[in-house]
Amino acid sequence: MTDPTTPKPPDPPTEPPQPSMSPVAGPPPEANPVADAGTATPEKRSNVRAWAVGGTALAVILFSGGAVIGMFNGDEPKTTAGATSSPATSPTSATPTPVAPTSAAPTSAAPTSAIPSPTKAAPPPKPKPPSYKTLTERQWKLIAKDPDGYLGKTYVVYGRVTQFDAATGTDSFRADVAHRRMAEDYDYETNTILNGSESDLDNLVEDDIFRANVTVLGSFSYDTQIGGETTVALLQVDSIKVL
């Protein structure tokens, strides 16, 4: 067994010195640095290592030179296998399309509900003029007996003025009344009080004979000149005519 500490004299070279290789030439076909690594001498091992290092450096130089040449020639360098390339995203330069303004005039919508026009209220119907009934002698005696029982009834009466002075006033007078015009003044028998407007009674005086449309107002009591009290029918004069 050889002592590793004893230096072994170098063997004489068995092969002629190798000519210098061109930068592009590869190792000779018969040289296998991996297969010969176990059997080569230390000198051969150092040559193999130098060759391997030189080949690696040559490959790196060639690769770098090709990349530089490609950059100058305008070619993009190729990426090695397994490298992830992120494509460069260029900013979007598209300008937004402007929307043309509409020039149509706005249409005015008709109101959904029309304002109702104020309806003029119809005037109230005029009250129907009362109908004044003529009387028989019996009918008039029944009214004179109970005037409150015929309150608001309208009739035609005839009479003679018996008192129309300062004591009665200008809108009231006392008269003898009958159901029709009598032939003689004394034939008007029923004592009665009549009220009316001054304008209607302005031309009426004592002893006048008249025809009047009246409304029964009920009964009325007053003091007599002799100190007594009497109750008579009270009539409202709606219209009167001197006969």
Protein backbone atom coordinates (compact mmCIF):
# COMPACT_ATOMS: atom_id res chain seq x y z
CA MET A 1 0.00 0.00 0.00
CA THR A 2 1.38 3.34 -1.03
CA ASP A 3 1.91 5.97 1.64
CA PRO A 4 -0.04 9.04 0.69
CA THR A 5 2.47 11.29 2.39
CA THR A 6 5.33 10.17 0.13
CA PRO A 7 5.44 12.33 -2.96
CA LYS A 8 5.10 10.38 -6.15
CA PRO A 9 7.33 11.51 -8.93
CA PRO A 10 5.35 12.74 -11.92
CA ASP A 11 5.04 10.31 -14.76
CA PRO A 12 6.44 11.30 -18.05
CA PRO A 13 3.76 12.60 -20.39
CA THR A 14 2.38 9.80 -22.47
CA GLU A 15 0.54 12.10 -24.88
CA PRO A 16 1.89 14.94 -26.91
CA PRO A 17 0.90 18.37 -25.71
CA GLN A 18 -2.59 19.41 -26.83
CA PRO A 19 -2.81 22.23 -29.29
CA SER A 20 -4.59 25.35 -28.10
CA MET A 21 -8.32 25.08 -28.81
CA SER A 22 -10.26 27.73 -30.56
CA PRO A 23 -12.84 29.49 -28.42
CA VAL A 24 -15.68 27.79 -30.21
CA ALA A 25 -14.29 24.24 -30.29
CA GLY A 26 -15.49 21.71 -27.70
CA PRO A 27 -13.41 18.99 -25.93
CA PRO A 28 -12.04 16.15 -28.04
CA PRO A 29 -14.47 13.31 -28.49
CA GLU A 30 -12.31 10.76 -26.76
CA ALA A 31 -11.83 12.86 -23.65
CA ASN A 32 -14.33 12.06 -20.87
CA PRO A 33 -13.37 14.06 -17.82
CA VAL A 34 -15.83 12.22 -15.59
CA ALA A 35 -14.72 8.71 -16.64
CA ASP A 36 -11.05 9.52 -16.40
CA ALA A 37 -11.29 11.28 -13.09
CA GLY A 38 -10.81 8.08 -11.10
CA THR A 39 -7.84 6.72 -13.05
CA ALA A 40 -6.00 9.91 -13.96
CA THR A 41 -2.90 11.05 -12.26
CA PRO A 42 -2.86 14.21 -10.23
CA GLU A 43 -1.49 16.09 -13.17
CA LYS A 44 -4.23 14.75 -15.41
CA ARG A 45 -6.81 15.58 -12.75
CA SER A 46 -5.65 19.14 -12.61
CA ASN A 47 -5.76 19.33 -16.41
CA VAL A 48 -9.27 17.93 -16.43
CA ARG A 49 -10.37 20.41 -13.78
CA ALA A 50 -8.80 23.25 -15.71
CA TRP A 51 -10.51 22.06 -18.83
CA ALA A 52 -13.87 21.86 -17.11
CA VAL A 53 -13.47 25.28 -15.55
CA GLY A 54 -12.36 26.72 -18.89
CA GLY A 55 -15.30 25.15 -20.70
CA THR A 56 -17.74 26.51 -18.16
CA ALA A 57 -16.23 29.98 -18.40
CA LEU A 58 -16.32 29.72 -22.18
CA ALA A 59 -19.99 28.80 -22.12
CA VAL A 60 -20.78 31.72 -19.82
CA ILE A 61 -18.83 34.10 -22.09
CA LEU A 62 -20.60 32.78 -25.17
CA PHE A 63 -24.02 33.10 -23.52
CA SER A 64 -23.28 36.63 -22.28
CA GLY A 65 -21.83 37.66 -25.63
CA GLY A 66 -24.87 36.36 -27.45
CA ALA A 67 -27.18 38.27 -25.12
CA VAL A 68 -25.20 41.48 -25.62
CA ILE A 69 -25.11 41.00 -29.40
CA GLY A 70 -28.85 40.37 -29.38
CA MET A 71 -29.43 43.56 -27.43
CA PHE A 72 -27.45 45.57 -29.96
CA ASN A 73 -29.21 43.88 -32.86
CA GLY A 74 -32.62 44.83 -31.43
CA ASP A 75 -33.55 41.26 -30.40
CA GLU A 76 -35.02 40.67 -26.99
CA PRO A 77 -33.02 38.33 -24.84
CA LYS A 78 -34.55 34.92 -24.43
CA THR A 79 -35.40 33.83 -20.97
CA THR A 80 -34.01 30.67 -19.62
CA ALA A 81 -36.20 27.68 -18.96
CA GLY A 82 -37.94 27.77 -15.59
CA ALA A 83 -37.73 31.55 -15.25
CA THR A 84 -41.01 33.29 -14.73
CA SER A 85 -41.58 36.26 -16.95
CA SER A 86 -44.15 38.85 -16.09
CA PRO A 87 -45.42 40.58 -19.17
CA ALA A 88 -45.12 44.33 -18.97
CA THR A 89 -48.49 45.91 -18.87
CA SER A 90 -48.63 49.13 -20.76
CA PRO A 91 -51.01 51.76 -19.39
CA THR A 92 -54.27 52.04 -21.17
CA SER A 93 -54.09 55.02 -23.46
CA ALA A 94 -57.60 54.80 -24.93
CA THR A 95 -59.44 58.07 -24.49
CA PRO A 96 -63.09 57.86 -23.37
CA THR A 97 -65.62 58.46 -26.06
CA PRO A 98 -67.44 61.71 -25.27
CA VAL A 99 -71.22 61.44 -25.11
CA ALA A 100 -72.92 63.87 -27.41
CA PRO A 101 -75.31 66.12 -25.50
CA THR A 102 -78.94 65.73 -26.38
CA SER A 103 -80.45 68.77 -28.00
CA ALA A 104 -84.09 67.70 -27.81
CA ALA A 105 -86.23 70.21 -26.02
CA PRO A 106 -87.93 68.81 -22.90
CA THR A 107 -91.56 68.09 -23.39
CA SER A 108 -93.88 69.59 -20.82
CA ALA A 109 -96.20 66.95 -19.45
CA ALA A 110 -99.82 67.87 -19.10
CA PRO A 111 -101.02 68.07 -15.50
CA THR A 112 -102.55 64.83 -14.36
CA SER A 113 -105.41 66.48 -12.56
CA ALA A 114 -107.13 69.60 -13.88
CA ILE A 115 -108.06 72.27 -11.39
CA PRO A 116 -111.82 72.20 -11.15
CA SER A 117 -113.41 75.45 -12.12
CA PRO A 118 -115.48 76.92 -9.33
CA THR A 119 -119.11 76.20 -9.97
CA LYS A 120 -121.40 79.11 -9.41
CA ALA A 121 -123.98 78.18 -6.87
CA ALA A 122 -127.48 78.46 -8.14
CA PRO A 123 -129.48 81.12 -6.33
CA PRO A 124 -131.97 79.71 -3.87
CA PRO A 125 -135.44 79.43 -5.27
CA LYS A 126 -137.69 82.31 -4.47
CA PRO A 127 -140.27 81.48 -1.86
CA LYS A 128 -143.63 80.79 -3.32
CA PRO A 129 -146.01 83.61 -2.57
CA PRO A 130 -148.68 82.57 -0.12
CA SER A 131 -152.13 81.84 -1.29
CA TYR A 132 -154.79 83.87 0.51
CA LYS A 133 -158.07 82.02 0.89
CA THR A 134 -161.45 83.64 0.98
CA LEU A 135 -163.68 82.79 3.92
CA THR A 136 -167.27 82.00 4.63
CA GLU A 137 -169.07 83.60 7.54
CA ARG A 138 -168.71 80.39 9.59
CA GLN A 139 -165.01 80.01 8.84
CA TRP A 140 -164.33 83.56 9.97
CA LYS A 141 -166.26 83.05 13.22
CA LEU A 142 -164.12 79.93 13.97
CA ILE A 143 -160.90 81.98 13.48
CA ALA A 144 -162.20 84.79 15.68
CA LYS A 145 -163.13 82.24 18.38
CA ASP A 146 -159.69 80.53 18.48
CA PRO A 147 -157.02 82.58 16.61
CA ASP A 148 -154.19 80.55 18.15
CA GLY A 149 -155.55 77.47 16.39
CA TYR A 150 -155.00 79.11 12.97
CA LEU A 151 -151.59 80.56 13.56
CA GLY A 152 -149.77 81.23 10.25
CA LYS A 153 -152.81 80.75 8.04
CA THR A 154 -153.42 83.31 5.30
CA TYR A 155 -156.78 84.70 4.32
CA VAL A 156 -158.63 87.58 2.63
CA VAL A 157 -160.64 89.77 5.00
CA TYR A 158 -162.68 92.97 4.80
CA GLY A 159 -163.17 95.63 7.49
CA ARG A 160 -163.75 99.16 8.72
CA VAL A 161 -161.14 101.16 10.67
CA THR A 162 -162.51 101.99 14.17
CA GLN A 163 -159.34 103.42 15.83
CA PHE A 164 -156.10 104.62 14.27
CA ASP A 165 -154.57 107.35 16.42
CA ALA A 166 -151.67 108.18 18.74
CA ALA A 167 -152.81 105.51 21.16
CA THR A 168 -152.49 102.72 18.55
CA GLY A 169 -149.35 104.07 16.82
CA THR A 170 -148.51 104.40 13.18
CA ASP A 171 -148.11 100.65 12.44
CA SER A 172 -151.16 99.25 14.26
CA PHE A 173 -154.91 99.95 14.20
CA ARG A 174 -158.17 98.52 15.43
CA ALA A 175 -160.96 97.51 13.03
CA ASP A 176 -164.26 95.59 12.77
CA VAL A 177 -163.66 92.71 10.36
CA ALA A 178 -165.87 90.33 8.33
CA HIS A 179 -165.40 87.53 5.81
CA ARG A 180 -166.59 89.74 2.89
CA ARG A 181 -167.45 93.31 2.01
CA MET A 182 -170.63 94.21 3.80
CA ALA A 183 -173.43 96.48 2.57
CA GLU A 184 -173.50 98.58 5.72
CA ASP A 185 -170.72 99.74 8.03
CA TYR A 186 -172.34 98.24 11.08
CA ASP A 187 -172.37 94.78 9.46
CA TYR A 188 -168.60 94.41 10.25
CA GLU A 189 -168.97 92.85 13.68
CA THR A 190 -165.65 91.25 14.89
CA ASN A 191 -163.28 93.50 16.84
CA THR A 192 -159.70 92.84 15.58
CA ILE A 193 -156.16 94.28 15.90
CA LEU A 194 -154.11 94.56 12.69
CA ASN A 195 -150.33 95.29 12.38
CA GLY A 196 -148.46 96.35 9.26
CA SER A 197 -145.67 98.49 7.87
CA GLU A 198 -145.96 102.23 8.15
CA SER A 199 -145.61 102.65 4.39
CA ASP A 200 -148.56 100.33 3.74
CA LEU A 201 -150.68 101.98 6.43
CA ASP A 202 -149.67 105.58 5.73
CA ASN A 203 -152.80 106.42 3.72
CA LEU A 204 -155.24 104.62 6.04
CA VAL A 205 -157.43 106.57 8.49
CA GLU A 206 -160.38 105.99 10.82
CA ASP A 207 -163.72 104.90 9.16
CA ASP A 208 -162.00 103.68 5.96
CA ILE A 209 -163.35 100.47 4.40
CA PHE A 210 -160.54 98.16 3.24
CA ARG A 211 -159.71 94.83 1.72
CA ALA A 212 -156.56 93.14 3.13
CA ASN A 213 -154.50 89.96 2.66
CA VAL A 214 -153.58 88.88 6.19
CA THR A 215 -151.69 86.21 8.16
CA VAL A 216 -153.09 85.02 11.48
CA LEU A 217 -150.66 85.81 14.35
CA GLY A 218 -152.79 84.36 17.17
CA SER A 219 -154.62 86.11 19.98
CA PHE A 220 -153.86 89.49 21.57
CA SER A 221 -155.04 91.06 24.85
CA TYR A 222 -155.17 94.79 25.63
CA ASP A 223 -156.70 97.15 28.18
CA THR A 224 -159.89 98.96 27.28
CA GLN A 225 -160.63 102.62 27.93
CA ILE A 226 -163.16 101.78 30.61
CA GLY A 227 -160.58 99.86 32.62
CA GLY A 228 -161.29 96.38 31.41
CA GLU A 229 -159.25 93.88 29.33
CA THR A 230 -160.22 92.21 26.10
CA THR A 231 -158.69 89.51 23.92
CA VAL A 232 -159.02 89.64 20.14
CA ALA A 233 -157.54 88.08 17.00
CA LEU A 234 -154.26 89.60 15.86
CA LEU A 235 -153.70 89.78 12.09
CA GLN A 236 -150.62 90.83 10.12
CA VAL A 237 -151.36 92.98 7.09
CA ASP A 238 -149.40 91.75 4.07
CA SER A 239 -151.18 94.08 1.67
CA ILE A 240 -154.13 96.41 1.99
CA LYS A 241 -156.42 98.42 -0.29
CA VAL A 242 -158.80 101.18 0.68
CA LEU A 243 -162.27 100.57 -0.93
